[in-house]
C-alpha cells in the first residue's frame, strides 16, 4: 500500500469522498474514494490523466453555471 502524500476530504449529501495524492514506483497518482451507505469504491488516476480530468471538471462546472443562469428564478 502506497503512503498518502496529501489527502483532502469532501462531505456532501450522504456521501464522503477522499482524494489522496500517492506515489509508487510508476509515479504519482490520485486515488478517489467514495463512502456511501457503508460501501466504499475507489478509482485511480495516473499523473498523466490528472490535467485532462481537471479540464473536464472545469468544463462541467462552467456548463452547470451557464444553465443556472438560464433557469427561471423561483
C-alpha atoms as a PDB file:
ATOM      1  CA  UNK A   1       0.000   0.000   0.000  1.00  0.00           C
ATOM      2  CA  UNK A   2       1.409   3.347  -1.059  1.00  0.00           C
ATOM      3  CA  UNK A   3       1.508   6.106   1.583  1.00  0.00           C
ATOM      4  CA  UNK A   4      -0.580   9.262   1.150  1.00  0.00           C
ATOM      5  CA  UNK A   5       1.380  12.396   0.296  1.00  0.00           C
ATOM      6  CA  UNK A   6      -1.683  14.569   0.730  1.00  0.00           C
ATOM      7  CA  UNK A   7      -5.374  13.894   1.450  1.00  0.00           C
ATOM      8  CA  UNK A   8      -8.487  16.035   1.113  1.00  0.00           C
ATOM      9  CA  UNK A   9     -11.926  15.079   2.417  1.00  0.00           C
ATOM     10  CA  UNK A  10     -15.227  16.177   0.849  1.00  0.00           C
ATOM     11  CA  UNK A  11     -18.564  15.631   2.576  1.00  0.00           C
ATOM     12  CA  UNK A  12     -21.712  16.264   0.569  1.00  0.00           C
ATOM     13  CA  UNK A  13     -25.250  14.970   0.988  1.00  0.00           C
ATOM     14  CA  UNK A  14     -24.894  11.446   2.401  1.00  0.00           C
ATOM     15  CA  UNK A  15     -21.502  10.754   0.824  1.00  0.00           C
ATOM     16  CA  UNK A  16     -17.902  11.179   1.862  1.00  0.00           C
ATOM     17  CA  UNK A  17     -15.107  11.450  -0.695  1.00  0.00           C
ATOM     18  CA  UNK A  18     -11.382  11.190  -0.049  1.00  0.00           C
ATOM     19  CA  UNK A  19      -8.911  12.402  -2.658  1.00  0.00           C
ATOM     20  CA  UNK A  20      -5.425  11.074  -1.972  1.00  0.00           C
ATOM     21  CA  UNK A  21      -2.228  12.027  -3.770  1.00  0.00           C
ATOM     22  CA  UNK A  22       0.051   8.998  -3.742  1.00  0.00           C
ATOM     23  CA  UNK A  23       3.257   7.805  -5.346  1.00  0.00           C
ATOM     24  CA  UNK A  24       4.601   4.396  -6.265  1.00  0.00           C
ATOM     25  CA  UNK A  25       7.398   3.090  -8.475  1.00  0.00           C
ATOM     26  CA  UNK A  26       5.432   4.148 -11.597  1.00  0.00           C
ATOM     27  CA  UNK A  27       4.994   7.736 -10.352  1.00  0.00           C
ATOM     28  CA  UNK A  28       2.286   9.951  -8.867  1.00  0.00           C
ATOM     29  CA  UNK A  29      -1.409   9.143  -8.990  1.00  0.00           C
ATOM     30  CA  UNK A  30      -4.714  10.147  -7.436  1.00  0.00           C
ATOM     31  CA  UNK A  31      -6.909   7.754  -5.537  1.00  0.00           C
ATOM     32  CA  UNK A  32     -10.505   8.980  -5.296  1.00  0.00           C
ATOM     33  CA  UNK A  33     -12.656   7.018  -2.841  1.00  0.00           C
ATOM     34  CA  UNK A  34     -16.357   7.308  -2.072  1.00  0.00           C
ATOM     35  CA  UNK A  35     -18.160   6.106   1.022  1.00  0.00           C
ATOM     36  CA  UNK A  36     -21.923   5.907   0.776  1.00  0.00           C
ATOM     37  CA  UNK A  37     -24.167   3.811   2.986  1.00  0.00           C
ATOM     38  CA  UNK A  38     -21.119   1.931   4.324  1.00  0.00           C
ATOM     39  CA  UNK A  39     -19.982   0.968   0.802  1.00  0.00           C
ATOM     40  CA  UNK A  40     -16.590   2.048  -0.485  1.00  0.00           C
ATOM     41  CA  UNK A  41     -15.440   2.331  -4.067  1.00  0.00           C
ATOM     42  CA  UNK A  42     -12.274   3.853  -5.492  1.00  0.00           C
ATOM     43  CA  UNK A  43     -10.762   4.931  -8.784  1.00  0.00           C
ATOM     44  CA  UNK A  44      -7.104   5.528  -9.543  1.00  0.00           C
ATOM     45  CA  UNK A  45      -5.955   8.260 -11.936  1.00  0.00           C
ATOM     46  CA  UNK A  46      -2.324   8.238 -13.079  1.00  0.00           C
ATOM     47  CA  UNK A  47      -0.469  11.552 -13.147  1.00  0.00           C
ATOM     48  CA  UNK A  48      -0.723  11.729 -16.952  1.00  0.00           C
ATOM     49  CA  UNK A  49      -4.535  11.860 -16.714  1.00  0.00           C
ATOM     50  CA  UNK A  50      -4.901  14.460 -13.956  1.00  0.00           C
ATOM     51  CA  UNK A  51      -4.709  17.538 -16.205  1.00  0.00           C
ATOM     52  CA  UNK A  52      -7.414  16.141 -18.503  1.00  0.00           C
ATOM     53  CA  UNK A  53      -9.662  15.330 -15.530  1.00  0.00           C
ATOM     54  CA  UNK A  54      -9.238  18.927 -14.306  1.00  0.00           C
ATOM     55  CA  UNK A  55     -10.187  20.248 -17.771  1.00  0.00           C
ATOM     56  CA  UNK A  56     -13.297  18.062 -17.913  1.00  0.00           C
ATOM     57  CA  UNK A  57     -14.433  19.017 -14.402  1.00  0.00           C
ATOM     58  CA  UNK A  58     -13.876  22.703 -15.176  1.00  0.00           C
ATOM     59  CA  UNK A  59     -15.956  22.379 -18.357  1.00  0.00           C
ATOM     60  CA  UNK A  60     -18.713  20.602 -16.435  1.00  0.00           C
ATOM     61  CA  UNK A  61     -18.684  23.337 -13.792  1.00  0.00           C
ATOM     62  CA  UNK A  62     -18.963  26.031 -16.498  1.00  0.00           C
ATOM     63  CA  UNK A  63     -21.889  24.155 -18.079  1.00  0.00           C
ATOM     64  CA  UNK A  64     -23.712  23.985 -14.733  1.00  0.00           C
ATOM     65  CA  UNK A  65     -23.150  27.688 -14.057  1.00  0.00           C
ATOM     66  CA  UNK A  66     -24.422  28.648 -17.522  1.00  0.00           C
ATOM     67  CA  UNK A  67     -27.537  26.511 -17.110  1.00  0.00           C
ATOM     68  CA  UNK A  68     -28.230  28.001 -13.688  1.00  0.00           C
ATOM     69  CA  UNK A  69     -28.127  31.450 -15.309  1.00  0.00           C
ATOM     70  CA  UNK A  70     -30.720  30.332 -17.861  1.00  0.00           C
ATOM     71  CA  UNK A  71     -33.131  28.759 -15.348  1.00  0.00           C
ATOM     72  CA  UNK A  72     -36.099  30.924 -14.334  1.00  0.00           C
ATOM     73  CA  UNK A  73     -35.896  32.394 -10.838  1.00  0.00           C
ATOM     74  CA  UNK A  74     -38.301  30.909  -8.301  1.00  0.00           C
END
